[in-house]
Amino acid sequence: MTNSTMTGNQQEEAAVWQSLQQAIADCSGFQEWQAQQETDTDVKSLDQQVRSYLRETLETLAY
């Protein structure tokens, strides 16, 4: 049996992630990063692109 609280939390988290992805995609830093990518960004989903962008940004900040 599915826990309705868990399902609600997952739906809420998915909605927050979608909103966050769109905010990141709209920012100039992401758009510049996207333009610099040598791979075909049309092949990657927005989710994959945002995850790559965040990973690279965090790696850069870790230095």
PDB file of N, CA and C in Angstrom:
ATOM      1  N   MET A   1       0.845  -1.177   0.000  1.00  0.00           N
ATOM      2  CA  MET A   1       0.000   0.000   0.000  1.00  0.00           C
ATOM      3  C   MET A   1       0.891   1.241   0.000  1.00  0.00           C
ATOM      4  N   THR A   2       0.517   2.226  -0.774  1.00  0.00           N
ATOM      5  CA  THR A   2       1.298   3.445  -0.888  1.00  0.00           C
ATOM      6  C   THR A   2       0.923   4.420   0.210  1.00  0.00           C
ATOM      7  N   ASN A   3       1.932   5.022   0.800  1.00  0.00           N
ATOM      8  CA  ASN A   3       1.722   6.024   1.829  1.00  0.00           C
ATOM      9  C   ASN A   3       1.380   7.345   1.148  1.00  0.00           C
ATOM     10  N   SER A   4       0.204   7.887   1.415  1.00  0.00           N
ATOM     11  CA  SER A   4      -0.236   9.106   0.737  1.00  0.00           C
ATOM     12  C   SER A   4       0.647  10.307   1.079  1.00  0.00           C
ATOM     13  N   THR A   5       1.216  10.317   2.280  1.00  0.00           N
ATOM     14  CA  THR A   5       2.115  11.405   2.670  1.00  0.00           C
ATOM     15  C   THR A   5       3.368  11.381   1.802  1.00  0.00           C
ATOM     16  N   MET A   6       3.905  10.199   1.572  1.00  0.00           N
ATOM     17  CA  MET A   6       5.099  10.060   0.756  1.00  0.00           C
ATOM     18  C   MET A   6       4.807  10.488  -0.674  1.00  0.00           C
ATOM     19  N   THR A   7       3.675  10.077  -1.210  1.00  0.00           N
ATOM     20  CA  THR A   7       3.316  10.454  -2.571  1.00  0.00           C
ATOM     21  C   THR A   7       3.181  11.962  -2.683  1.00  0.00           C
ATOM     22  N   GLY A   8       2.553  12.597  -1.695  1.00  0.00           N
ATOM     23  CA  GLY A   8       2.414  14.045  -1.695  1.00  0.00           C
ATOM     24  C   GLY A   8       3.755  14.730  -1.653  1.00  0.00           C
ATOM     25  N   ASN A   9       4.667  14.215  -0.846  1.00  0.00           N
ATOM     26  CA  ASN A   9       6.006  14.797  -0.757  1.00  0.00           C
ATOM     27  C   ASN A   9       6.761  14.658  -2.074  1.00  0.00           C
ATOM     28  N   GLN A  10       6.621  13.512  -2.709  1.00  0.00           N
ATOM     29  CA  GLN A  10       7.303  13.298  -3.985  1.00  0.00           C
ATOM     30  C   GLN A  10       6.755  14.241  -5.052  1.00  0.00           C
ATOM     31  N   GLN A  11       5.448  14.439  -5.051  1.00  0.00           N
ATOM     32  CA  GLN A  11       4.849  15.348  -6.026  1.00  0.00           C
ATOM     33  C   GLN A  11       5.303  16.778  -5.756  1.00  0.00           C
ATOM     34  N   GLU A  12       5.369  17.144  -4.499  1.00  0.00           N
ATOM     35  CA  GLU A  12       5.816  18.485  -4.130  1.00  0.00           C
ATOM     36  C   GLU A  12       7.274  18.686  -4.521  1.00  0.00           C
ATOM     37  N   GLU A  13       8.106  17.695  -4.245  1.00  0.00           N
ATOM     38  CA  GLU A  13       9.519  17.781  -4.607  1.00  0.00           C
ATOM     39  C   GLU A  13       9.693  17.883  -6.116  1.00  0.00           C
ATOM     40  N   ALA A  14       8.902  17.122  -6.864  1.00  0.00           N
ATOM     41  CA  ALA A  14       8.979  17.173  -8.323  1.00  0.00           C
ATOM     42  C   ALA A  14       8.586  18.559  -8.830  1.00  0.00           C
ATOM     43  N   ALA A  15       7.575  19.145  -8.237  1.00  0.00           N
ATOM     44  CA  ALA A  15       7.138  20.482  -8.637  1.00  0.00           C
ATOM     45  C   ALA A  15       8.212  21.522  -8.314  1.00  0.00           C
ATOM     46  N   VAL A  16       8.834  21.392  -7.154  1.00  0.00           N
ATOM     47  CA  VAL A  16       9.903  22.321  -6.773  1.00  0.00           C
ATOM     48  C   VAL A  16      11.086  22.166  -7.729  1.00  0.00           C
ATOM     49  N   TRP A  17      11.459  20.926  -8.059  1.00  0.00           N
ATOM     50  CA  TRP A  17      12.583  20.687  -8.961  1.00  0.00           C
ATOM     51  C   TRP A  17      12.287  21.269 -10.345  1.00  0.00           C
ATOM     52  N   GLN A  18      11.057  21.096 -10.837  1.00  0.00           N
ATOM     53  CA  GLN A  18      10.683  21.661 -12.137  1.00  0.00           C
ATOM     54  C   GLN A  18      10.811  23.181 -12.123  1.00  0.00           C
ATOM     55  N   SER A  19      10.347  23.794 -11.058  1.00  0.00           N
ATOM     56  CA  SER A  19      10.423  25.244 -10.924  1.00  0.00           C
ATOM     57  C   SER A  19      11.878  25.709 -10.854  1.00  0.00           C
ATOM     58  N   LEU A  20      12.686  24.988 -10.109  1.00  0.00           N
ATOM     59  CA  LEU A  20      14.102  25.320  -9.977  1.00  0.00           C
ATOM     60  C   LEU A  20      14.822  25.159 -11.314  1.00  0.00           C
ATOM     61  N   GLN A  21      14.528  24.079 -12.028  1.00  0.00           N
ATOM     62  CA  GLN A  21      15.128  23.872 -13.346  1.00  0.00           C
ATOM     63  C   GLN A  21      14.818  25.031 -14.278  1.00  0.00           C
ATOM     64  N   GLN A  22      13.579  25.475 -14.281  1.00  0.00           N
ATOM     65  CA  GLN A  22      13.184  26.559 -15.173  1.00  0.00           C
ATOM     66  C   GLN A  22      13.890  27.856 -14.788  1.00  0.00           C
ATOM     67  N   ALA A  23      14.010  28.115 -13.487  1.00  0.00           N
ATOM     68  CA  ALA A  23      14.709  29.316 -13.032  1.00  0.00           C
ATOM     69  C   ALA A  23      16.174  29.279 -13.449  1.00  0.00           C
ATOM     70  N   ILE A  24      16.804  28.124 -13.331  1.00  0.00           N
ATOM     71  CA  ILE A  24      18.208  27.976 -13.731  1.00  0.00           C
ATOM     72  C   ILE A  24      18.342  28.141 -15.243  1.00  0.00           C
ATOM     73  N   ALA A  25      17.435  27.535 -15.994  1.00  0.00           N
ATOM     74  CA  ALA A  25      17.482  27.615 -17.459  1.00  0.00           C
ATOM     75  C   ALA A  25      17.314  29.050 -17.944  1.00  0.00           C
ATOM     76  N   ASP A  26      16.609  29.862 -17.192  1.00  0.00           N
ATOM     77  CA  ASP A  26      16.377  31.257 -17.570  1.00  0.00           C
ATOM     78  C   ASP A  26      17.541  32.182 -17.202  1.00  0.00           C
ATOM     79  N   CYS A  27      18.465  31.718 -16.377  1.00  0.00           N
ATOM     80  CA  CYS A  27      19.560  32.597 -15.936  1.00  0.00           C
ATOM     81  C   CYS A  27      20.642  32.690 -17.009  1.00  0.00           C
ATOM     82  N   SER A  28      21.296  33.839 -17.053  1.00  0.00           N
ATOM     83  CA  SER A  28      22.305  34.089 -18.087  1.00  0.00           C
ATOM     84  C   SER A  28      23.517  33.169 -17.942  1.00  0.00           C
ATOM     85  N   GLY A  29      23.865  32.808 -16.718  1.00  0.00           N
ATOM     86  CA  GLY A  29      25.005  31.918 -16.507  1.00  0.00           C
ATOM     87  C   GLY A  29      24.781  30.560 -17.145  1.00  0.00           C
ATOM     88  N   PHE A  30      23.591  30.022 -17.000  1.00  0.00           N
ATOM     89  CA  PHE A  30      23.266  28.737 -17.612  1.00  0.00           C
ATOM     90  C   PHE A  30      23.273  28.861 -19.130  1.00  0.00           C
ATOM     91  N   GLN A  31      22.706  29.945 -19.633  1.00  0.00           N
ATOM     92  CA  GLN A  31      22.638  30.128 -21.083  1.00  0.00           C
ATOM     93  C   GLN A  31      24.027  30.265 -21.693  1.00  0.00           C
ATOM     94  N   GLU A  32      24.936  30.954 -20.993  1.00  0.00           N
ATOM     95  CA  GLU A  32      26.321  31.058 -21.468  1.00  0.00           C
ATOM     96  C   GLU A  32      26.992  29.691 -21.437  1.00  0.00           C
ATOM     97  N   TRP A  33      26.793  28.944 -20.353  1.00  0.00           N
ATOM     98  CA  TRP A  33      27.359  27.603 -20.232  1.00  0.00           C
ATOM     99  C   TRP A  33      26.843  26.727 -21.361  1.00  0.00           C
ATOM    100  N   GLN A  34      25.554  26.818 -21.616  1.00  0.00           N
ATOM    101  CA  GLN A  34      24.919  26.009 -22.657  1.00  0.00           C
ATOM    102  C   GLN A  34      25.525  26.314 -24.030  1.00  0.00           C
ATOM    103  N   ALA A  35      25.778  27.588 -24.307  1.00  0.00           N
ATOM    104  CA  ALA A  35      26.354  27.986 -25.588  1.00  0.00           C
ATOM    105  C   ALA A  35      27.789  27.487 -25.747  1.00  0.00           C
ATOM    106  N   GLN A  36      28.499  27.294 -24.641  1.00  0.00           N
ATOM    107  CA  GLN A  36      29.898  26.859 -24.675  1.00  0.00           C
ATOM    108  C   GLN A  36      30.051  25.347 -24.780  1.00  0.00           C
ATOM    109  N   GLN A  37      28.974  24.627 -24.600  1.00  0.00           N
ATOM    110  CA  GLN A  37      29.063  23.172 -24.617  1.00  0.00           C
ATOM    111  C   GLN A  37      29.369  22.676 -26.019  1.00  0.00           C
ATOM    112  N   GLU A  38      30.341  21.770 -26.102  1.00  0.00           N
ATOM    113  CA  GLU A  38      30.717  21.209 -27.397  1.00  0.00           C
ATOM    114  C   GLU A  38      29.774  20.089 -27.813  1.00  0.00           C
ATOM    115  N   THR A  39      29.117  19.470 -26.848  1.00  0.00           N
ATOM    116  CA  THR A  39      28.172  18.408 -27.168  1.00  0.00           C
ATOM    117  C   THR A  39      26.866  19.024 -27.633  1.00  0.00           C
ATOM    118  N   ASP A  40      26.085  18.253 -28.314  1.00  0.00           N
ATOM    119  CA  ASP A  40      24.802  18.730 -28.830  1.00  0.00           C
ATOM    120  C   ASP A  40      23.794  18.769 -27.688  1.00  0.00           C
ATOM    121  N   THR A  41      23.527  19.975 -27.178  1.00  0.00           N
ATOM    122  CA  THR A  41      22.625  20.113 -26.035  1.00  0.00           C
ATOM    123  C   THR A  41      21.186  19.797 -26.401  1.00  0.00           C
ATOM    124  N   ASP A  42      20.869  19.747 -27.702  1.00  0.00           N
ATOM    125  CA  ASP A  42      19.513  19.388 -28.102  1.00  0.00           C
ATOM    126  C   ASP A  42      19.211  17.927 -27.782  1.00  0.00           C
ATOM    127  N   VAL A  43      20.263  17.108 -27.707  1.00  0.00           N
ATOM    128  CA  VAL A  43      20.087  15.691 -27.425  1.00  0.00           C
ATOM    129  C   VAL A  43      19.794  15.477 -25.941  1.00  0.00           C
ATOM    130  N   LYS A  44      20.399  16.284 -25.086  1.00  0.00           N
ATOM    131  CA  LYS A  44      20.197  16.150 -23.646  1.00  0.00           C
ATOM    132  C   LYS A  44      18.903  16.842 -23.229  1.00  0.00           C
ATOM    133  N   SER A  45      18.227  16.235 -22.283  1.00  0.00           N
ATOM    134  CA  SER A  45      17.023  16.864 -21.742  1.00  0.00           C
ATOM    135  C   SER A  45      17.426  18.054 -20.870  1.00  0.00           C
ATOM    136  N   LEU A  46      16.474  18.922 -20.607  1.00  0.00           N
ATOM    137  CA  LEU A  46      16.747  20.070 -19.733  1.00  0.00           C
ATOM    138  C   LEU A  46      17.223  19.574 -18.371  1.00  0.00           C
ATOM    139  N   ASP A  47      16.631  18.502 -17.880  1.00  0.00           N
ATOM    140  CA  ASP A  47      17.034  17.933 -16.593  1.00  0.00           C
ATOM    141  C   ASP A  47      18.509  17.557 -16.622  1.00  0.00           C
ATOM    142  N   GLN A  48      18.949  16.867 -17.667  1.00  0.00           N
ATOM    143  CA  GLN A  48      20.351  16.457 -17.775  1.00  0.00           C
ATOM    144  C   GLN A  48      21.278  17.661 -17.884  1.00  0.00           C
ATOM    145  N   GLN A  49      20.855  18.661 -18.653  1.00  0.00           N
ATOM    146  CA  GLN A  49      21.678  19.856 -18.814  1.00  0.00           C
ATOM    147  C   GLN A  49      21.827  20.608 -17.496  1.00  0.00           C
ATOM    148  N   VAL A  50      20.726  20.776 -16.770  1.00  0.00           N
ATOM    149  CA  VAL A  50      20.772  21.494 -15.491  1.00  0.00           C
ATOM    150  C   VAL A  50      21.645  20.741 -14.502  1.00  0.00           C
ATOM    151  N   ARG A  51      21.513  19.429 -14.451  1.00  0.00           N
ATOM    152  CA  ARG A  51      22.337  18.630 -13.541  1.00  0.00           C
ATOM    153  C   ARG A  51      23.828  18.768 -13.879  1.00  0.00           C
ATOM    154  N   SER A  52      24.149  18.739 -15.165  1.00  0.00           N
ATOM    155  CA  SER A  52      25.548  18.911 -15.577  1.00  0.00           C
ATOM    156  C   SER A  52      26.062  20.301 -15.210  1.00  0.00           C
ATOM    157  N   TYR A  53      25.246  21.302 -15.466  1.00  0.00           N
ATOM    158  CA  TYR A  53      25.613  22.684 -15.142  1.00  0.00           C
ATOM    159  C   TYR A  53      25.861  22.840 -13.643  1.00  0.00           C
ATOM    160  N   LEU A  54      24.952  22.315 -12.840  1.00  0.00           N
ATOM    161  CA  LEU A  54      25.116  22.416 -11.382  1.00  0.00           C
ATOM    162  C   LEU A  54      26.342  21.654 -10.908  1.00  0.00           C
ATOM    163  N   ARG A  55      26.571  20.471 -11.462  1.00  0.00           N
ATOM    164  CA  ARG A  55      27.739  19.671 -11.077  1.00  0.00           C
ATOM    165  C   ARG A  55      29.028  20.424 -11.401  1.00  0.00           C
ATOM    166  N   GLU A  56      29.119  20.967 -12.615  1.00  0.00           N
ATOM    167  CA  GLU A  56      30.326  21.698 -13.011  1.00  0.00           C
ATOM    168  C   GLU A  56      30.508  22.971 -12.187  1.00  0.00           C
ATOM    169  N   THR A  57      29.428  23.649 -11.904  1.00  0.00           N
ATOM    170  CA  THR A  57      29.499  24.872 -11.098  1.00  0.00           C
ATOM    171  C   THR A  57      29.998  24.541  -9.696  1.00  0.00           C
ATOM    172  N   LEU A  58      29.466  23.490  -9.099  1.00  0.00           N
ATOM    173  CA  LEU A  58      29.894  23.117  -7.746  1.00  0.00           C
ATOM    174  C   LEU A  58      31.352  22.642  -7.740  1.00  0.00           C
ATOM    175  N   GLU A  59      31.770  21.930  -8.787  1.00  0.00           N
ATOM    176  CA  GLU A  59      33.160  21.511  -8.872  1.00  0.00           C
ATOM    177  C   GLU A  59      34.083  22.719  -8.956  1.00  0.00           C
ATOM    178  N   THR A  60      33.670  23.722  -9.720  1.00  0.00           N
ATOM    179  CA  THR A  60      34.471  24.941  -9.845  1.00  0.00           C
ATOM    180  C   THR A  60      34.558  25.664  -8.502  1.00  0.00           C
ATOM    181  N   LEU A  61      33.446  25.739  -7.805  1.00  0.00           N
ATOM    182  CA  LEU A  61      33.434  26.419  -6.498  1.00  0.00           C
ATOM    183  C   LEU A  61      34.240  25.661  -5.449  1.00  0.00           C
ATOM    184  N   ALA A  62      34.401  24.354  -5.635  1.00  0.00           N
ATOM    185  CA  ALA A  62      35.142  23.545  -4.665  1.00  0.00           C
ATOM    186  C   ALA A  62      36.633  23.849  -4.695  1.00  0.00           C
ATOM    187  N   TYR A  63      37.134  24.404  -5.779  1.00  0.00           N
ATOM    188  CA  TYR A  63      38.546  24.749  -5.867  1.00  0.00           C
ATOM    189  C   TYR A  63      38.824  25.886  -5.006  1.00  0.00           C
TER     190      TYR A  63
END
